[in-house]
Amino acid sequence: VTFAYRSEAQAATRRRVRPLALTAFSDGWLLVGWCLLRDDFRLFRLDRMSDLQVRPDRFADEPGRDLAAYNALRGGGMPAGLAG
């Protein structure tokens, strides 16, 4: 997926992300994904996303860039950085 994203500090970026999971927290929803811009796992608040586009291309499975790797990195607990 690609989307425009506004950070907590109001910085605007355009992101291309491999979506891995949606999770809820007390203030809303988060997309857990592999961000191609940052080349790392990132969490994105859905209320800060706009202009979402589902891309027709598919990504190949890569070890270390999937939900199992994210969960292992985070100890299988609640996603870190909920402020996004």
PDB file of N, CA and C in Angstrom:
ATOM      1  N   VAL A   1       0.839  -1.173   0.000  1.00  0.00           N
ATOM      2  CA  VAL A   1       0.000   0.000   0.000  1.00  0.00           C
ATOM      3  C   VAL A   1       0.887   1.239   0.000  1.00  0.00           C
ATOM      4  N   THR A   2       0.371   2.327  -0.498  1.00  0.00           N
ATOM      5  CA  THR A   2       1.032   3.628  -0.397  1.00  0.00           C
ATOM      6  C   THR A   2       0.035   4.595   0.227  1.00  0.00           C
ATOM      7  N   PHE A   3       0.568   5.584   0.939  1.00  0.00           N
ATOM      8  CA  PHE A   3      -0.304   6.561   1.567  1.00  0.00           C
ATOM      9  C   PHE A   3       0.506   7.780   1.983  1.00  0.00           C
ATOM     10  N   ALA A   4      -0.204   8.872   2.181  1.00  0.00           N
ATOM     11  CA  ALA A   4       0.390  10.070   2.772  1.00  0.00           C
ATOM     12  C   ALA A   4       0.277   9.894   4.283  1.00  0.00           C
ATOM     13  N   TYR A   5       1.310  10.332   5.002  1.00  0.00           N
ATOM     14  CA  TYR A   5       1.308  10.161   6.460  1.00  0.00           C
ATOM     15  C   TYR A   5       1.752  11.448   7.131  1.00  0.00           C
ATOM     16  N   ARG A   6       1.070  11.775   8.211  1.00  0.00           N
ATOM     17  CA  ARG A   6       1.382  12.956   9.011  1.00  0.00           C
ATOM     18  C   ARG A   6       1.839  12.498  10.387  1.00  0.00           C
ATOM     19  N   SER A   7       3.058  12.837  10.766  1.00  0.00           N
ATOM     20  CA  SER A   7       3.599  12.427  12.065  1.00  0.00           C
ATOM     21  C   SER A   7       2.970  13.237  13.197  1.00  0.00           C
ATOM     22  N   GLU A   8       3.285  12.845  14.420  1.00  0.00           N
ATOM     23  CA  GLU A   8       2.791  13.586  15.584  1.00  0.00           C
ATOM     24  C   GLU A   8       3.246  15.046  15.536  1.00  0.00           C
ATOM     25  N   ALA A   9       4.458  15.279  14.988  1.00  0.00           N
ATOM     26  CA  ALA A   9       4.998  16.641  14.864  1.00  0.00           C
ATOM     27  C   ALA A   9       4.498  17.344  13.593  1.00  0.00           C
ATOM     28  N   GLN A  10       3.531  16.729  12.908  1.00  0.00           N
ATOM     29  CA  GLN A  10       2.912  17.286  11.706  1.00  0.00           C
ATOM     30  C   GLN A  10       3.796  17.219  10.454  1.00  0.00           C
ATOM     31  N   ALA A  11       4.875  16.459  10.490  1.00  0.00           N
ATOM     32  CA  ALA A  11       5.711  16.278   9.299  1.00  0.00           C
ATOM     33  C   ALA A  11       4.981  15.356   8.322  1.00  0.00           C
ATOM     34  N   ALA A  12       4.943  15.754   7.061  1.00  0.00           N
ATOM     35  CA  ALA A  12       4.240  14.975   6.041  1.00  0.00           C
ATOM     36  C   ALA A  12       5.233  14.168   5.208  1.00  0.00           C
ATOM     37  N   THR A  13       4.909  12.885   4.990  1.00  0.00           N
ATOM     38  CA  THR A  13       5.715  12.016   4.137  1.00  0.00           C
ATOM     39  C   THR A  13       4.782  11.167   3.296  1.00  0.00           C
ATOM     40  N   ARG A  14       5.334  10.562   2.281  1.00  0.00           N
ATOM     41  CA  ARG A  14       4.615   9.581   1.460  1.00  0.00           C
ATOM     42  C   ARG A  14       5.269   8.244   1.741  1.00  0.00           C
ATOM     43  N   ARG A  15       4.487   7.229   2.087  1.00  0.00           N
ATOM     44  CA  ARG A  15       5.039   5.932   2.465  1.00  0.00           C
ATOM     45  C   ARG A  15       4.552   4.821   1.545  1.00  0.00           C
ATOM     46  N   ARG A  16       5.438   3.865   1.327  1.00  0.00           N
ATOM     47  CA  ARG A  16       5.092   2.606   0.674  1.00  0.00           C
ATOM     48  C   ARG A  16       5.415   1.531   1.700  1.00  0.00           C
ATOM     49  N   VAL A  17       4.411   0.738   2.043  1.00  0.00           N
ATOM     50  CA  VAL A  17       4.517  -0.170   3.175  1.00  0.00           C
ATOM     51  C   VAL A  17       4.008  -1.556   2.797  1.00  0.00           C
ATOM     52  N   ARG A  18       4.703  -2.560   3.313  1.00  0.00           N
ATOM     53  CA  ARG A  18       4.214  -3.936   3.254  1.00  0.00           C
ATOM     54  C   ARG A  18       3.340  -4.139   4.487  1.00  0.00           C
ATOM     55  N   PRO A  19       2.030  -4.147   4.348  1.00  0.00           N
ATOM     56  CA  PRO A  19       1.172  -4.278   5.523  1.00  0.00           C
ATOM     57  C   PRO A  19       1.293  -5.676   6.128  1.00  0.00           C
ATOM     58  N   LEU A  20       1.411  -5.731   7.450  1.00  0.00           N
ATOM     59  CA  LEU A  20       1.552  -7.005   8.148  1.00  0.00           C
ATOM     60  C   LEU A  20       0.397  -7.289   9.093  1.00  0.00           C
ATOM     61  N   ALA A  21      -0.125  -6.257   9.758  1.00  0.00           N
ATOM     62  CA  ALA A  21      -1.209  -6.478  10.727  1.00  0.00           C
ATOM     63  C   ALA A  21      -1.881  -5.160  11.075  1.00  0.00           C
ATOM     64  N   LEU A  22      -3.100  -5.257  11.528  1.00  0.00           N
ATOM     65  CA  LEU A  22      -3.809  -4.138  12.132  1.00  0.00           C
ATOM     66  C   LEU A  22      -3.987  -4.477  13.603  1.00  0.00           C
ATOM     67  N   THR A  23      -3.799  -3.494  14.454  1.00  0.00           N
ATOM     68  CA  THR A  23      -3.981  -3.701  15.886  1.00  0.00           C
ATOM     69  C   THR A  23      -4.644  -2.470  16.480  1.00  0.00           C
ATOM     70  N   ALA A  24      -5.417  -2.697  17.512  1.00  0.00           N
ATOM     71  CA  ALA A  24      -6.117  -1.598  18.172  1.00  0.00           C
ATOM     72  C   ALA A  24      -5.394  -1.216  19.450  1.00  0.00           C
ATOM     73  N   PHE A  25      -5.495   0.070  19.806  1.00  0.00           N
ATOM     74  CA  PHE A  25      -5.016   0.548  21.094  1.00  0.00           C
ATOM     75  C   PHE A  25      -6.044   1.548  21.590  1.00  0.00           C
ATOM     76  N   SER A  26      -5.845   2.091  22.754  1.00  0.00           N
ATOM     77  CA  SER A  26      -6.895   2.895  23.389  1.00  0.00           C
ATOM     78  C   SER A  26      -7.341   4.101  22.560  1.00  0.00           C
ATOM     79  N   ASP A  27      -6.463   4.647  21.724  1.00  0.00           N
ATOM     80  CA  ASP A  27      -6.818   5.833  20.934  1.00  0.00           C
ATOM     81  C   ASP A  27      -7.203   5.532  19.488  1.00  0.00           C
ATOM     82  N   GLY A  28      -7.178   4.280  19.078  1.00  0.00           N
ATOM     83  CA  GLY A  28      -7.538   3.988  17.693  1.00  0.00           C
ATOM     84  C   GLY A  28      -6.870   2.734  17.156  1.00  0.00           C
ATOM     85  N   TRP A  29      -6.517   2.791  15.878  1.00  0.00           N
ATOM     86  CA  TRP A  29      -5.964   1.637  15.168  1.00  0.00           C
ATOM     87  C   TRP A  29      -4.568   1.944  14.640  1.00  0.00           C
ATOM     88  N   LEU A  30      -3.745   0.884  14.565  1.00  0.00           N
ATOM     89  CA  LEU A  30      -2.398   0.969  14.006  1.00  0.00           C
ATOM     90  C   LEU A  30      -2.223  -0.041  12.888  1.00  0.00           C
ATOM     91  N   LEU A  31      -1.501   0.375  11.857  1.00  0.00           N
ATOM     92  CA  LEU A  31      -1.033  -0.539  10.825  1.00  0.00           C
ATOM     93  C   LEU A  31       0.409  -0.896  11.171  1.00  0.00           C
ATOM     94  N   VAL A  32       0.687  -2.182  11.311  1.00  0.00           N
ATOM     95  CA  VAL A  32       2.051  -2.666  11.507  1.00  0.00           C
ATOM     96  C   VAL A  32       2.557  -3.062  10.132  1.00  0.00           C
ATOM     97  N   GLY A  33       3.718  -2.543   9.742  1.00  0.00           N
ATOM     98  CA  GLY A  33       4.212  -2.877   8.417  1.00  0.00           C
ATOM     99  C   GLY A  33       5.703  -2.675   8.269  1.00  0.00           C
ATOM    100  N   TRP A  34       6.215  -3.171   7.162  1.00  0.00           N
ATOM    101  CA  TRP A  34       7.599  -2.956   6.782  1.00  0.00           C
ATOM    102  C   TRP A  34       7.613  -1.737   5.867  1.00  0.00           C
ATOM    103  N   CYS A  35       8.255  -0.658   6.307  1.00  0.00           N
ATOM    104  CA  CYS A  35       8.294   0.595   5.563  1.00  0.00           C
ATOM    105  C   CYS A  35       9.480   0.576   4.602  1.00  0.00           C
ATOM    106  N   LEU A  36       9.207   0.736   3.322  1.00  0.00           N
ATOM    107  CA  LEU A  36      10.284   0.734   2.337  1.00  0.00           C
ATOM    108  C   LEU A  36      11.120   2.001   2.401  1.00  0.00           C
ATOM    109  N   LEU A  37      10.538   3.110   2.852  1.00  0.00           N
ATOM    110  CA  LEU A  37      11.295   4.356   3.001  1.00  0.00           C
ATOM    111  C   LEU A  37      12.343   4.224   4.104  1.00  0.00           C
ATOM    112  N   ARG A  38      11.957   3.659   5.235  1.00  0.00           N
ATOM    113  CA  ARG A  38      12.848   3.535   6.397  1.00  0.00           C
ATOM    114  C   ARG A  38      13.597   2.208   6.436  1.00  0.00           C
ATOM    115  N   ASP A  39      13.201   1.265   5.580  1.00  0.00           N
ATOM    116  CA  ASP A  39      13.804  -0.065   5.542  1.00  0.00           C
ATOM    117  C   ASP A  39      13.780  -0.703   6.931  1.00  0.00           C
ATOM    118  N   ASP A  40      12.603  -0.657   7.556  1.00  0.00           N
ATOM    119  CA  ASP A  40      12.451  -1.163   8.919  1.00  0.00           C
ATOM    120  C   ASP A  40      10.960  -1.295   9.227  1.00  0.00           C
ATOM    121  N   PHE A  41      10.662  -2.004  10.328  1.00  0.00           N
ATOM    122  CA  PHE A  41       9.293  -2.074  10.796  1.00  0.00           C
ATOM    123  C   PHE A  41       8.861  -0.702  11.298  1.00  0.00           C
ATOM    124  N   ARG A  42       7.617  -0.363  11.024  1.00  0.00           N
ATOM    125  CA  ARG A  42       7.061   0.889  11.511  1.00  0.00           C
ATOM    126  C   ARG A  42       5.592   0.672  11.859  1.00  0.00           C
ATOM    127  N   LEU A  43       5.097   1.531  12.733  1.00  0.00           N
ATOM    128  CA  LEU A  43       3.694   1.551  13.101  1.00  0.00           C
ATOM    129  C   LEU A  43       3.100   2.851  12.603  1.00  0.00           C
ATOM    130  N   PHE A  44       1.910   2.768  12.030  1.00  0.00           N
ATOM    131  CA  PHE A  44       1.257   3.940  11.479  1.00  0.00           C
ATOM    132  C   PHE A  44      -0.160   4.031  12.038  1.00  0.00           C
ATOM    133  N   ARG A  45      -0.471   5.169  12.622  1.00  0.00           N
ATOM    134  CA  ARG A  45      -1.832   5.401  13.097  1.00  0.00           C
ATOM    135  C   ARG A  45      -2.736   5.635  11.893  1.00  0.00           C
ATOM    136  N   LEU A  46      -3.837   4.912  11.837  1.00  0.00           N
ATOM    137  CA  LEU A  46      -4.742   5.052  10.706  1.00  0.00           C
ATOM    138  C   LEU A  46      -5.327   6.450  10.606  1.00  0.00           C
ATOM    139  N   ASP A  47      -5.507   7.134  11.731  1.00  0.00           N
ATOM    140  CA  ASP A  47      -6.082   8.481  11.691  1.00  0.00           C
ATOM    141  C   ASP A  47      -5.095   9.523  11.170  1.00  0.00           C
ATOM    142  N   ARG A  48      -3.846   9.147  10.947  1.00  0.00           N
ATOM    143  CA  ARG A  48      -2.852  10.062  10.369  1.00  0.00           C
ATOM    144  C   ARG A  48      -2.543   9.727   8.911  1.00  0.00           C
ATOM    145  N   MET A  49      -3.241   8.739   8.374  1.00  0.00           N
ATOM    146  CA  MET A  49      -3.043   8.322   6.989  1.00  0.00           C
ATOM    147  C   MET A  49      -4.092   8.975   6.092  1.00  0.00           C
ATOM    148  N   SER A  50      -3.692   9.263   4.842  1.00  0.00           N
ATOM    149  CA  SER A  50      -4.649   9.747   3.842  1.00  0.00           C
ATOM    150  C   SER A  50      -4.184   9.275   2.472  1.00  0.00           C
ATOM    151  N   ASP A  51      -5.048   9.400   1.499  1.00  0.00           N
ATOM    152  CA  ASP A  51      -4.731   9.034   0.118  1.00  0.00           C
ATOM    153  C   ASP A  51      -4.161   7.612   0.036  1.00  0.00           C
ATOM    154  N   LEU A  52      -4.808   6.675   0.706  1.00  0.00           N
ATOM    155  CA  LEU A  52      -4.381   5.279   0.699  1.00  0.00           C
ATOM    156  C   LEU A  52      -4.636   4.647  -0.663  1.00  0.00           C
ATOM    157  N   GLN A  53      -3.632   3.972  -1.186  1.00  0.00           N
ATOM    158  CA  GLN A  53      -3.764   3.276  -2.462  1.00  0.00           C
ATOM    159  C   GLN A  53      -3.237   1.858  -2.304  1.00  0.00           C
ATOM    160  N   VAL A  54      -4.084   0.905  -2.680  1.00  0.00           N
ATOM    161  CA  VAL A  54      -3.659  -0.493  -2.678  1.00  0.00           C
ATOM    162  C   VAL A  54      -2.998  -0.761  -4.010  1.00  0.00           C
ATOM    163  N   ARG A  55      -1.746  -1.167  -3.949  1.00  0.00           N
ATOM    164  CA  ARG A  55      -0.976  -1.393  -5.171  1.00  0.00           C
ATOM    165  C   ARG A  55      -1.278  -2.782  -5.737  1.00  0.00           C
ATOM    166  N   PRO A  56      -1.244  -2.932  -7.056  1.00  0.00           N
ATOM    167  CA  PRO A  56      -1.537  -4.236  -7.653  1.00  0.00           C
ATOM    168  C   PRO A  56      -0.365  -5.224  -7.531  1.00  0.00           C
ATOM    169  N   ASP A  57       0.850  -4.717  -7.355  1.00  0.00           N
ATOM    170  CA  ASP A  57       1.998  -5.614  -7.259  1.00  0.00           C
ATOM    171  C   ASP A  57       2.039  -6.282  -5.883  1.00  0.00           C
ATOM    172  N   ARG A  58       2.700  -7.407  -5.811  1.00  0.00           N
ATOM    173  CA  ARG A  58       2.846  -8.158  -4.566  1.00  0.00           C
ATOM    174  C   ARG A  58       4.326  -8.245  -4.215  1.00  0.00           C
ATOM    175  N   PHE A  59       4.618  -8.294  -2.925  1.00  0.00           N
ATOM    176  CA  PHE A  59       6.009  -8.437  -2.514  1.00  0.00           C
ATOM    177  C   PHE A  59       6.299  -9.895  -2.207  1.00  0.00           C
ATOM    178  N   ALA A  60       7.544 -10.284  -2.419  1.00  0.00           N
ATOM    179  CA  ALA A  60       7.971 -11.653  -2.112  1.00  0.00           C
ATOM    180  C   ALA A  60       8.248 -11.762  -0.620  1.00  0.00           C
ATOM    181  N   ASP A  61       7.943 -12.932  -0.073  1.00  0.00           N
ATOM    182  CA  ASP A  61       8.268 -13.163   1.336  1.00  0.00           C
ATOM    183  C   ASP A  61       9.776 -13.081   1.522  1.00  0.00           C
ATOM    184  N   GLU A  62      10.188 -12.327   2.534  1.00  0.00           N
ATOM    185  CA  GLU A  62      11.602 -12.194   2.860  1.00  0.00           C
ATOM    186  C   GLU A  62      11.773 -12.424   4.349  1.00  0.00           C
ATOM    187  N   PRO A  63      12.629 -13.348   4.738  1.00  0.00           N
ATOM    188  CA  PRO A  63      12.873 -13.557   6.170  1.00  0.00           C
ATOM    189  C   PRO A  63      13.318 -12.251   6.827  1.00  0.00           C
ATOM    190  N   GLY A  64      12.803 -12.005   8.010  1.00  0.00           N
ATOM    191  CA  GLY A  64      13.163 -10.800   8.735  1.00  0.00           C
ATOM    192  C   GLY A  64      12.289  -9.607   8.444  1.00  0.00           C
ATOM    193  N   ARG A  65      11.367  -9.745   7.489  1.00  0.00           N
ATOM    194  CA  ARG A  65      10.473  -8.639   7.137  1.00  0.00           C
ATOM    195  C   ARG A  65       9.015  -9.045   7.207  1.00  0.00           C
ATOM    196  N   ASP A  66       8.726 -10.007   8.067  1.00  0.00           N
ATOM    197  CA  ASP A  66       7.362 -10.505   8.195  1.00  0.00           C
ATOM    198  C   ASP A  66       6.860 -10.325   9.623  1.00  0.00           C
ATOM    199  N   LEU A  67       5.619 -10.698   9.854  1.00  0.00           N
ATOM    200  CA  LEU A  67       5.011 -10.503  11.165  1.00  0.00           C
ATOM    201  C   LEU A  67       5.709 -11.342  12.235  1.00  0.00           C
ATOM    202  N   ALA A  68       6.158 -12.532  11.888  1.00  0.00           N
ATOM    203  CA  ALA A  68       6.875 -13.362  12.859  1.00  0.00           C
ATOM    204  C   ALA A  68       8.159 -12.665  13.311  1.00  0.00           C
ATOM    205  N   ALA A  69       8.879 -12.056  12.383  1.00  0.00           N
ATOM    206  CA  ALA A  69      10.109 -11.335  12.743  1.00  0.00           C
ATOM    207  C   ALA A  69       9.791 -10.110  13.593  1.00  0.00           C
ATOM    208  N   TYR A  70       8.725  -9.404  13.265  1.00  0.00           N
ATOM    209  CA  TYR A  70       8.321  -8.248  14.072  1.00  0.00           C
ATOM    210  C   TYR A  70       7.993  -8.689  15.495  1.00  0.00           C
ATOM    211  N   ASN A  71       7.195  -9.748  15.625  1.00  0.00           N
ATOM    212  CA  ASN A  71       6.824 -10.242  16.948  1.00  0.00           C
ATOM    213  C   ASN A  71       8.041 -10.715  17.727  1.00  0.00           C
ATOM    214  N   ALA A  72       8.984 -11.364  17.076  1.00  0.00           N
ATOM    215  CA  ALA A  72      10.206 -11.806  17.752  1.00  0.00           C
ATOM    216  C   ALA A  72      11.016 -10.607  18.227  1.00  0.00           C
ATOM    217  N   LEU A  73      11.096  -9.581  17.400  1.00  0.00           N
ATOM    218  CA  LEU A  73      11.838  -8.374  17.745  1.00  0.00           C
ATOM    219  C   LEU A  73      11.216  -7.667  18.951  1.00  0.00           C
ATOM    220  N   ARG A  74       9.916  -7.653  19.014  1.00  0.00           N
ATOM    221  CA  ARG A  74       9.193  -6.968  20.085  1.00  0.00           C
ATOM    222  C   ARG A  74       8.880  -7.885  21.258  1.00  0.00           C
ATOM    223  N   GLY A  75       9.366  -9.105  21.227  1.00  0.00           N
ATOM    224  CA  GLY A  75       9.122 -10.036  22.325  1.00  0.00           C
ATOM    225  C   GLY A  75       7.700 -10.588  22.339  1.00  0.00           C
ATOM    226  N   GLY A  76       7.012 -10.481  21.211  1.00  0.00           N
ATOM    227  CA  GLY A  76       5.666 -11.013  21.105  1.00  0.00           C
ATOM    228  C   GLY A  76       4.610 -10.213  21.839  1.00  0.00           C
ATOM    229  N   GLY A  77       4.979  -9.060  22.403  1.00  0.00           N
ATOM    230  CA  GLY A  77       4.027  -8.265  23.181  1.00  0.00           C
ATOM    231  C   GLY A  77       3.365  -7.187  22.360  1.00  0.00           C
ATOM    232  N   MET A  78       2.802  -6.235  23.047  1.00  0.00           N
ATOM    233  CA  MET A  78       2.121  -5.105  22.422  1.00  0.00           C
ATOM    234  C   MET A  78       3.115  -4.287  21.609  1.00  0.00           C
ATOM    235  N   PRO A  79       2.716  -3.820  20.430  1.00  0.00           N
ATOM    236  CA  PRO A  79       3.618  -3.002  19.633  1.00  0.00           C
ATOM    237  C   PRO A  79       4.161  -1.803  20.410  1.00  0.00           C
ATOM    238  N   ALA A  80       5.435  -1.550  20.226  1.00  0.00           N
ATOM    239  CA  ALA A  80       6.069  -0.387  20.866  1.00  0.00           C
ATOM    240  C   ALA A  80       5.767   0.869  20.057  1.00  0.00           C
ATOM    241  N   GLY A  81       5.840   2.015  20.678  1.00  0.00           N
ATOM    242  CA  GLY A  81       5.703   3.287  19.966  1.00  0.00           C
ATOM    243  C   GLY A  81       4.290   3.610  19.565  1.00  0.00           C
ATOM    244  N   LEU A  82       3.346   3.362  20.426  1.00  0.00           N
ATOM    245  CA  LEU A  82       1.954   3.587  20.064  1.00  0.00           C
ATOM    246  C   LEU A  82       1.647   5.025  19.683  1.00  0.00           C
ATOM    247  N   ALA A  83       2.463   5.965  20.112  1.00  0.00           N
ATOM    248  CA  ALA A  83       2.222   7.365  19.728  1.00  0.00           C
ATOM    249  C   ALA A  83       2.455   7.563  18.247  1.00  0.00           C
ATOM    250  N   GLY A  84       3.200   6.625  17.607  1.00  0.00           N
ATOM    251  CA  GLY A  84       3.410   6.642  16.165  1.00  0.00           C
ATOM    252  C   GLY A  84       4.131   7.836  15.699  1.00  0.00           C
TER     253      GLY A  84
END
